[in-house]
């Protein structure tokens, strides 16, 4: 059985104006994804690819450090996934935060996404029967923390 995997992904966004200039900003949420897709389908696709590849980079680093090989068709297994979204403040609504962050964080984990790194086989309910999301406020360490726990085969 594979060991548990812990991943910390810092935010890829910072404030670009105002009194918070340069401080870490929460990762793209559902509102940002919708705005990008309404602008142009290519803008939306590029933003999603950027976010997925950002997350995949840190997941890949954590997998290499833990000696965690990507899942293949032969060794795929079900996993529990715990995702903690770390926000800089408590002003964004929960569906906005989860709608965006979970989309590209889970896509970065999967073996079946072309930009994913294979920490889990797929992000559907068959291979990921339980997802436990939570939110924490920490202005200094904005980003995502993910823990993947493989399940024994039944």
N, C-alpha and C. Protein backbone atom coordinates (compact mmCIF):
# COMPACT_ATOMS: atom_id res chain seq x y z
N UNK A 1 0.83 -1.19 0.00
CA UNK A 1 0.00 0.00 0.00
C UNK A 1 0.87 1.25 0.00
N UNK A 2 0.42 2.26 -0.68
CA UNK A 2 1.15 3.51 -0.78
C UNK A 2 1.07 4.29 0.53
N UNK A 3 2.09 5.07 0.86
CA UNK A 3 2.03 5.89 2.08
C UNK A 3 1.14 7.12 1.85
N UNK A 4 0.77 7.77 2.94
CA UNK A 4 0.03 9.03 2.83
C UNK A 4 0.95 10.09 2.23
N UNK A 5 0.37 11.02 1.51
CA UNK A 5 1.14 12.08 0.87
C UNK A 5 0.63 13.42 1.36
N UNK A 6 1.54 14.29 1.77
CA UNK A 6 1.19 15.64 2.22
C UNK A 6 1.81 16.65 1.27
N UNK A 7 1.00 17.60 0.82
CA UNK A 7 1.45 18.60 -0.15
C UNK A 7 1.05 19.99 0.34
N UNK A 8 1.99 20.93 0.25
CA UNK A 8 1.69 22.34 0.54
C UNK A 8 1.91 23.12 -0.75
N UNK A 9 0.87 23.84 -1.19
CA UNK A 9 0.93 24.61 -2.43
C UNK A 9 0.72 26.08 -2.07
N UNK A 10 1.75 26.91 -2.23
CA UNK A 10 1.55 28.34 -1.95
C UNK A 10 0.71 28.98 -3.04
N UNK A 11 0.12 30.10 -2.73
CA UNK A 11 -0.68 30.82 -3.72
C UNK A 11 0.19 31.33 -4.86
N UNK A 12 -0.40 31.44 -6.03
CA UNK A 12 0.31 32.01 -7.18
C UNK A 12 -0.20 33.42 -7.48
N UNK A 13 -0.88 34.03 -6.53
CA UNK A 13 -1.45 35.37 -6.73
C UNK A 13 -0.99 36.31 -5.62
N UNK A 14 -0.84 37.59 -5.97
CA UNK A 14 -0.51 38.63 -4.99
C UNK A 14 -1.30 39.88 -5.36
N UNK A 15 -1.55 40.71 -4.37
CA UNK A 15 -2.24 41.98 -4.62
C UNK A 15 -1.34 42.87 -5.47
N UNK A 16 -1.92 43.54 -6.45
CA UNK A 16 -1.14 44.39 -7.34
C UNK A 16 -1.41 45.88 -7.14
N UNK A 17 -2.27 46.20 -6.19
CA UNK A 17 -2.53 47.62 -5.92
C UNK A 17 -3.07 47.76 -4.50
N UNK A 18 -3.13 48.99 -4.04
CA UNK A 18 -3.70 49.27 -2.73
C UNK A 18 -2.74 49.03 -1.59
N UNK A 19 -3.26 49.08 -0.39
CA UNK A 19 -2.40 48.97 0.80
C UNK A 19 -1.83 47.56 0.99
N UNK A 20 -2.45 46.55 0.35
CA UNK A 20 -1.95 45.18 0.46
C UNK A 20 -0.98 44.80 -0.65
N UNK A 21 -0.50 45.77 -1.43
CA UNK A 21 0.33 45.51 -2.59
C UNK A 21 1.46 44.54 -2.24
N UNK A 22 1.56 43.48 -3.05
CA UNK A 22 2.64 42.50 -2.89
C UNK A 22 2.36 41.40 -1.89
N UNK A 23 1.32 41.54 -1.09
CA UNK A 23 0.99 40.50 -0.12
C UNK A 23 0.26 39.36 -0.82
N UNK A 24 0.38 38.12 -0.29
CA UNK A 24 -0.29 36.99 -0.94
C UNK A 24 -1.81 37.14 -0.96
N UNK A 25 -2.39 36.75 -2.08
CA UNK A 25 -3.82 36.84 -2.29
C UNK A 25 -4.35 35.41 -2.46
N UNK A 26 -5.59 35.18 -2.12
CA UNK A 26 -6.17 33.85 -2.30
C UNK A 26 -6.12 33.40 -3.75
N UNK A 27 -6.03 32.10 -3.96
CA UNK A 27 -5.97 31.56 -5.31
C UNK A 27 -7.29 31.81 -6.04
N UNK A 28 -7.27 31.71 -7.36
CA UNK A 28 -8.47 31.98 -8.15
C UNK A 28 -9.65 31.16 -7.66
N UNK A 29 -10.78 31.83 -7.47
CA UNK A 29 -12.00 31.17 -7.06
C UNK A 29 -12.96 31.04 -8.23
N UNK A 30 -14.16 30.60 -7.93
CA UNK A 30 -15.17 30.40 -8.97
C UNK A 30 -15.51 31.70 -9.69
N UNK A 31 -15.54 32.81 -8.98
CA UNK A 31 -15.84 34.10 -9.63
C UNK A 31 -14.79 34.45 -10.68
N UNK A 32 -13.52 34.24 -10.35
CA UNK A 32 -12.45 34.54 -11.31
C UNK A 32 -12.52 33.62 -12.52
N UNK A 33 -12.80 32.34 -12.28
CA UNK A 33 -12.91 31.38 -13.39
C UNK A 33 -14.07 31.79 -14.31
N UNK A 34 -15.21 32.13 -13.73
CA UNK A 34 -16.35 32.55 -14.54
C UNK A 34 -16.03 33.81 -15.34
N UNK A 35 -15.37 34.77 -14.71
CA UNK A 35 -15.02 36.02 -15.40
C UNK A 35 -14.07 35.74 -16.57
N UNK A 36 -13.10 34.88 -16.35
CA UNK A 36 -12.15 34.54 -17.42
C UNK A 36 -12.85 33.83 -18.58
N UNK A 37 -13.75 32.91 -18.26
CA UNK A 37 -14.46 32.18 -19.31
C UNK A 37 -15.43 33.08 -20.07
N UNK A 38 -16.00 34.08 -19.41
CA UNK A 38 -16.89 35.01 -20.10
C UNK A 38 -16.11 35.96 -21.01
N UNK A 39 -14.88 36.25 -20.63
CA UNK A 39 -14.05 37.12 -21.46
C UNK A 39 -13.80 36.46 -22.81
N UNK A 40 -13.34 35.21 -22.77
CA UNK A 40 -12.98 34.50 -23.98
C UNK A 40 -12.66 33.07 -23.58
N UNK A 41 -13.09 32.09 -24.34
CA UNK A 41 -12.86 30.70 -23.95
C UNK A 41 -11.38 30.37 -23.89
N UNK A 42 -10.58 31.05 -24.69
CA UNK A 42 -9.14 30.79 -24.69
C UNK A 42 -8.48 31.39 -23.44
N UNK A 43 -8.98 32.52 -22.99
CA UNK A 43 -8.48 33.14 -21.76
C UNK A 43 -8.80 32.22 -20.57
N UNK A 44 -10.03 31.70 -20.54
CA UNK A 44 -10.42 30.78 -19.47
C UNK A 44 -9.61 29.51 -19.47
N UNK A 45 -9.39 28.94 -20.64
CA UNK A 45 -8.60 27.70 -20.75
C UNK A 45 -7.15 27.94 -20.33
N UNK A 46 -6.59 29.07 -20.72
CA UNK A 46 -5.20 29.39 -20.35
C UNK A 46 -5.06 29.58 -18.84
N UNK A 47 -6.03 30.24 -18.22
CA UNK A 47 -6.00 30.47 -16.78
C UNK A 47 -6.13 29.14 -16.03
N UNK A 48 -7.02 28.27 -16.50
CA UNK A 48 -7.17 26.96 -15.84
C UNK A 48 -5.88 26.15 -15.98
N UNK A 49 -5.29 26.15 -17.16
CA UNK A 49 -4.04 25.42 -17.39
C UNK A 49 -2.94 25.96 -16.48
N UNK A 50 -2.86 27.28 -16.36
CA UNK A 50 -1.85 27.89 -15.49
C UNK A 50 -2.02 27.44 -14.04
N UNK A 51 -3.26 27.47 -13.55
CA UNK A 51 -3.52 27.07 -12.17
C UNK A 51 -3.27 25.59 -11.93
N UNK A 52 -3.69 24.74 -12.86
CA UNK A 52 -3.46 23.29 -12.71
C UNK A 52 -1.97 22.99 -12.73
N UNK A 53 -1.24 23.62 -13.64
CA UNK A 53 0.20 23.36 -13.73
C UNK A 53 0.95 23.91 -12.52
N UNK A 54 0.49 25.01 -11.96
CA UNK A 54 1.09 25.55 -10.73
C UNK A 54 0.94 24.52 -9.60
N UNK A 55 -0.27 24.01 -9.41
CA UNK A 55 -0.51 23.02 -8.37
C UNK A 55 0.27 21.73 -8.65
N UNK A 56 0.28 21.29 -9.90
CA UNK A 56 0.96 20.05 -10.28
C UNK A 56 2.45 20.12 -9.97
N UNK A 57 3.02 21.29 -10.13
CA UNK A 57 4.46 21.45 -9.84
C UNK A 57 4.78 21.10 -8.39
N UNK A 58 3.98 21.59 -7.47
CA UNK A 58 4.23 21.34 -6.05
C UNK A 58 3.85 19.92 -5.64
N UNK A 59 2.81 19.38 -6.26
CA UNK A 59 2.45 17.98 -5.99
C UNK A 59 3.56 17.06 -6.47
N UNK A 60 4.10 17.33 -7.64
CA UNK A 60 5.20 16.52 -8.19
C UNK A 60 6.42 16.57 -7.28
N UNK A 61 6.76 17.75 -6.78
CA UNK A 61 7.90 17.89 -5.86
C UNK A 61 7.67 17.07 -4.59
N UNK A 62 6.46 17.13 -4.05
CA UNK A 62 6.15 16.37 -2.83
C UNK A 62 6.20 14.87 -3.09
N UNK A 63 5.71 14.46 -4.26
CA UNK A 63 5.75 13.03 -4.61
C UNK A 63 7.19 12.54 -4.73
N UNK A 64 8.04 13.31 -5.37
CA UNK A 64 9.45 12.91 -5.50
C UNK A 64 10.12 12.84 -4.14
N UNK A 65 9.86 13.81 -3.27
CA UNK A 65 10.48 13.82 -1.94
C UNK A 65 10.03 12.62 -1.10
N UNK A 66 8.79 12.18 -1.30
CA UNK A 66 8.25 11.06 -0.52
C UNK A 66 8.46 9.71 -1.20
N UNK A 67 9.05 9.71 -2.39
CA UNK A 67 9.24 8.45 -3.13
C UNK A 67 7.92 7.87 -3.60
N UNK A 68 7.01 8.72 -3.97
CA UNK A 68 5.64 8.36 -4.32
C UNK A 68 5.54 8.32 -5.84
N UNK A 69 5.43 7.13 -6.43
CA UNK A 69 5.36 6.99 -7.88
C UNK A 69 3.96 7.34 -8.38
N UNK A 70 3.87 7.90 -9.59
CA UNK A 70 2.55 8.18 -10.16
C UNK A 70 1.73 6.90 -10.33
N UNK A 71 0.43 7.00 -10.12
CA UNK A 71 -0.44 5.84 -10.30
C UNK A 71 -0.54 5.49 -11.78
N UNK A 72 -0.60 4.19 -12.01
CA UNK A 72 -0.79 3.69 -13.37
C UNK A 72 -2.07 2.86 -13.39
N UNK A 73 -2.45 2.41 -14.56
CA UNK A 73 -3.64 1.58 -14.72
C UNK A 73 -3.55 0.33 -13.86
N UNK A 74 -2.34 -0.20 -13.68
CA UNK A 74 -2.15 -1.46 -12.94
C UNK A 74 -2.21 -1.30 -11.43
N UNK A 75 -1.77 -0.17 -10.90
CA UNK A 75 -1.71 -0.02 -9.44
C UNK A 75 -2.67 1.03 -8.89
N UNK A 76 -3.68 1.39 -9.65
CA UNK A 76 -4.62 2.42 -9.19
C UNK A 76 -5.39 1.95 -7.96
N UNK A 77 -5.69 2.89 -7.09
CA UNK A 77 -6.46 2.56 -5.88
C UNK A 77 -7.24 3.78 -5.42
N UNK A 78 -8.24 3.51 -4.58
CA UNK A 78 -9.10 4.56 -4.05
C UNK A 78 -8.34 5.34 -2.97
N UNK A 79 -8.67 6.62 -2.83
CA UNK A 79 -7.98 7.48 -1.87
C UNK A 79 -8.95 8.42 -1.17
N UNK A 80 -8.62 8.75 0.07
CA UNK A 80 -9.29 9.83 0.78
C UNK A 80 -8.45 11.08 0.55
N UNK A 81 -9.09 12.19 0.29
CA UNK A 81 -8.36 13.43 0.04
C UNK A 81 -8.86 14.51 1.00
N UNK A 82 -7.93 15.09 1.75
CA UNK A 82 -8.22 16.19 2.65
C UNK A 82 -7.60 17.45 2.06
N UNK A 83 -8.41 18.48 1.84
CA UNK A 83 -7.92 19.73 1.25
C UNK A 83 -8.24 20.87 2.21
N UNK A 84 -7.20 21.58 2.62
CA UNK A 84 -7.37 22.77 3.43
C UNK A 84 -6.97 23.97 2.60
N UNK A 85 -7.92 24.87 2.37
CA UNK A 85 -7.65 26.09 1.63
C UNK A 85 -7.29 27.16 2.66
N UNK A 86 -6.14 27.77 2.49
CA UNK A 86 -5.67 28.79 3.43
C UNK A 86 -5.86 30.14 2.76
N UNK A 87 -6.74 30.93 3.33
CA UNK A 87 -7.11 32.24 2.80
C UNK A 87 -6.45 33.35 3.62
N UNK A 88 -6.19 34.52 3.02
CA UNK A 88 -5.58 35.62 3.75
C UNK A 88 -6.55 36.35 4.68
N UNK A 89 -7.86 36.20 4.43
CA UNK A 89 -8.87 36.86 5.25
C UNK A 89 -10.17 36.08 5.12
N UNK A 90 -11.17 36.48 5.87
CA UNK A 90 -12.44 35.74 5.87
C UNK A 90 -13.52 36.43 5.04
N UNK A 91 -13.15 37.11 3.97
CA UNK A 91 -14.11 37.92 3.22
C UNK A 91 -14.67 37.24 1.97
N UNK A 92 -14.07 36.15 1.49
CA UNK A 92 -14.61 35.47 0.31
C UNK A 92 -15.60 34.41 0.75
N UNK A 93 -16.67 34.24 -0.02
CA UNK A 93 -17.67 33.24 0.35
C UNK A 93 -17.16 31.84 0.01
N UNK A 94 -17.63 30.87 0.77
CA UNK A 94 -17.15 29.49 0.69
C UNK A 94 -17.33 28.87 -0.70
N UNK A 95 -18.51 28.98 -1.36
CA UNK A 95 -18.63 28.38 -2.69
C UNK A 95 -17.64 28.96 -3.71
N UNK A 96 -17.34 30.23 -3.60
CA UNK A 96 -16.36 30.84 -4.50
C UNK A 96 -14.98 30.22 -4.28
N UNK A 97 -14.57 30.08 -3.04
CA UNK A 97 -13.26 29.52 -2.72
C UNK A 97 -13.17 28.07 -3.19
N UNK A 98 -14.12 27.25 -2.77
CA UNK A 98 -14.07 25.82 -3.12
C UNK A 98 -14.25 25.57 -4.61
N UNK A 99 -15.13 26.32 -5.25
CA UNK A 99 -15.41 26.10 -6.67
C UNK A 99 -14.18 26.23 -7.53
N UNK A 100 -13.32 27.17 -7.21
CA UNK A 100 -12.12 27.36 -8.00
C UNK A 100 -10.98 26.47 -7.56
N UNK A 101 -10.64 26.57 -6.30
CA UNK A 101 -9.46 25.87 -5.79
C UNK A 101 -9.56 24.36 -5.94
N UNK A 102 -10.71 23.80 -5.61
CA UNK A 102 -10.84 22.35 -5.70
C UNK A 102 -10.76 21.87 -7.14
N UNK A 103 -11.25 22.65 -8.08
CA UNK A 103 -11.22 22.26 -9.49
C UNK A 103 -9.79 22.02 -9.95
N UNK A 104 -8.94 23.02 -9.81
CA UNK A 104 -7.61 22.83 -10.35
C UNK A 104 -6.67 22.08 -9.41
N UNK A 105 -6.91 22.09 -8.12
CA UNK A 105 -6.07 21.29 -7.22
C UNK A 105 -6.29 19.80 -7.48
N UNK A 106 -7.56 19.40 -7.62
CA UNK A 106 -7.85 17.98 -7.87
C UNK A 106 -7.42 17.57 -9.27
N UNK A 107 -7.56 18.45 -10.26
CA UNK A 107 -7.08 18.12 -11.61
C UNK A 107 -5.57 17.92 -11.62
N UNK A 108 -4.84 18.68 -10.80
CA UNK A 108 -3.39 18.52 -10.73
C UNK A 108 -2.99 17.18 -10.10
N UNK A 109 -3.85 16.63 -9.24
CA UNK A 109 -3.54 15.36 -8.58
C UNK A 109 -3.76 14.14 -9.46
N UNK A 110 -4.67 14.22 -10.40
CA UNK A 110 -5.14 13.03 -11.12
C UNK A 110 -4.18 12.55 -12.20
N UNK A 111 -4.18 11.25 -12.41
CA UNK A 111 -3.38 10.64 -13.47
C UNK A 111 -4.08 10.80 -14.81
N UNK A 112 -5.38 10.97 -14.81
CA UNK A 112 -6.15 11.00 -16.05
C UNK A 112 -6.27 12.39 -16.66
N UNK A 113 -5.79 13.42 -15.98
CA UNK A 113 -5.76 14.77 -16.55
C UNK A 113 -4.42 14.95 -17.24
N UNK A 114 -4.40 15.57 -18.42
CA UNK A 114 -3.14 15.65 -19.17
C UNK A 114 -2.08 16.49 -18.46
N UNK A 115 -2.48 17.37 -17.54
CA UNK A 115 -1.51 18.15 -16.78
C UNK A 115 -1.32 17.61 -15.36
N UNK A 116 -2.08 16.57 -14.98
CA UNK A 116 -1.99 16.00 -13.64
C UNK A 116 -0.75 15.14 -13.48
N UNK A 117 -0.39 14.88 -12.23
CA UNK A 117 0.85 14.15 -11.95
C UNK A 117 0.64 12.73 -11.44
N UNK A 118 -0.59 12.30 -11.22
CA UNK A 118 -0.85 10.91 -10.86
C UNK A 118 -0.78 10.56 -9.39
N UNK A 119 -1.00 11.52 -8.51
CA UNK A 119 -1.04 11.21 -7.08
C UNK A 119 -2.30 10.40 -6.75
N UNK A 120 -3.38 10.65 -7.49
CA UNK A 120 -4.60 9.85 -7.41
C UNK A 120 -4.96 9.44 -8.83
N UNK A 121 -5.76 8.39 -8.97
CA UNK A 121 -6.09 7.93 -10.31
C UNK A 121 -7.06 8.90 -11.01
N UNK A 122 -8.17 9.22 -10.35
CA UNK A 122 -9.15 10.12 -10.93
C UNK A 122 -9.88 10.83 -9.80
N UNK A 123 -10.48 11.98 -10.09
CA UNK A 123 -11.17 12.73 -9.04
C UNK A 123 -12.68 12.50 -9.06
N UNK A 124 -13.12 11.34 -9.51
CA UNK A 124 -14.54 11.01 -9.44
C UNK A 124 -14.82 10.22 -8.17
N UNK A 125 -16.07 9.95 -7.88
CA UNK A 125 -16.45 9.30 -6.62
C UNK A 125 -16.04 7.84 -6.53
N UNK A 126 -15.75 7.21 -7.65
CA UNK A 126 -15.29 5.83 -7.61
C UNK A 126 -13.89 5.74 -7.01
N UNK A 127 -13.01 6.63 -7.42
CA UNK A 127 -11.61 6.58 -6.99
C UNK A 127 -11.30 7.51 -5.82
N UNK A 128 -12.19 8.45 -5.56
CA UNK A 128 -12.03 9.37 -4.45
C UNK A 128 -13.36 9.43 -3.69
N UNK A 129 -13.66 8.38 -2.90
CA UNK A 129 -14.99 8.31 -2.28
C UNK A 129 -15.24 9.37 -1.21
N UNK A 130 -14.18 9.97 -0.69
CA UNK A 130 -14.39 10.99 0.33
C UNK A 130 -13.41 12.14 0.12
N UNK A 131 -13.97 13.33 0.05
CA UNK A 131 -13.19 14.56 -0.03
C UNK A 131 -13.57 15.38 1.18
N UNK A 132 -12.57 15.78 1.95
CA UNK A 132 -12.84 16.56 3.16
C UNK A 132 -12.22 17.94 2.99
N UNK A 133 -13.03 18.93 2.58
CA UNK A 133 -12.50 20.28 2.41
C UNK A 133 -12.63 21.09 3.71
N UNK A 134 -11.72 22.01 3.90
CA UNK A 134 -11.82 22.94 5.03
C UNK A 134 -11.12 24.24 4.65
N UNK A 135 -11.41 25.28 5.41
CA UNK A 135 -10.80 26.59 5.17
C UNK A 135 -10.16 27.06 6.46
N UNK A 136 -8.97 27.64 6.33
CA UNK A 136 -8.26 28.21 7.46
C UNK A 136 -7.81 29.61 7.06
N UNK A 137 -7.76 30.52 7.99
CA UNK A 137 -7.32 31.89 7.73
C UNK A 137 -5.89 32.04 8.27
N UNK A 138 -4.98 32.42 7.37
CA UNK A 138 -3.59 32.66 7.75
C UNK A 138 -2.98 33.60 6.70
N UNK A 139 -2.90 34.90 6.98
CA UNK A 139 -2.42 35.86 5.98
C UNK A 139 -0.97 35.62 5.55
N UNK A 140 -0.19 34.92 6.35
CA UNK A 140 1.23 34.71 6.05
C UNK A 140 1.49 33.51 5.14
N UNK A 141 0.63 32.50 5.17
CA UNK A 141 0.86 31.25 4.43
C UNK A 141 -0.35 30.90 3.56
N UNK A 142 -0.70 31.75 2.64
CA UNK A 142 -1.88 31.57 1.79
C UNK A 142 -1.60 30.48 0.76
N UNK A 143 -2.57 29.60 0.53
CA UNK A 143 -2.42 28.54 -0.46
C UNK A 143 -3.33 27.36 -0.17
N UNK A 144 -2.80 26.16 -0.41
CA UNK A 144 -3.57 24.93 -0.23
C UNK A 144 -2.69 23.89 0.45
N UNK A 145 -3.27 23.12 1.36
CA UNK A 145 -2.61 21.95 1.92
C UNK A 145 -3.45 20.73 1.58
N UNK A 146 -2.82 19.70 1.05
CA UNK A 146 -3.53 18.50 0.62
C UNK A 146 -2.89 17.29 1.30
N UNK A 147 -3.74 16.40 1.79
CA UNK A 147 -3.28 15.11 2.31
C UNK A 147 -4.06 14.02 1.59
N UNK A 148 -3.32 13.07 1.05
CA UNK A 148 -3.93 11.95 0.32
C UNK A 148 -3.63 10.68 1.10
N UNK A 149 -4.69 9.95 1.43
CA UNK A 149 -4.56 8.70 2.16
C UNK A 149 -5.12 7.57 1.32
N UNK A 150 -4.25 6.69 0.80
CA UNK A 150 -4.75 5.54 0.00
C UNK A 150 -5.55 4.59 0.87
N UNK A 151 -6.59 4.00 0.31
CA UNK A 151 -7.44 3.05 1.01
C UNK A 151 -7.06 1.63 0.64
N UNK A 152 -7.23 0.73 1.58
CA UNK A 152 -7.03 -0.70 1.31
C UNK A 152 -8.11 -1.17 0.35
N UNK A 153 -7.77 -2.07 -0.53
CA UNK A 153 -8.78 -2.66 -1.42
C UNK A 153 -9.72 -3.54 -0.60
N UNK A 154 -11.01 -3.50 -0.97
CA UNK A 154 -12.00 -4.27 -0.24
C UNK A 154 -12.13 -5.65 -0.80
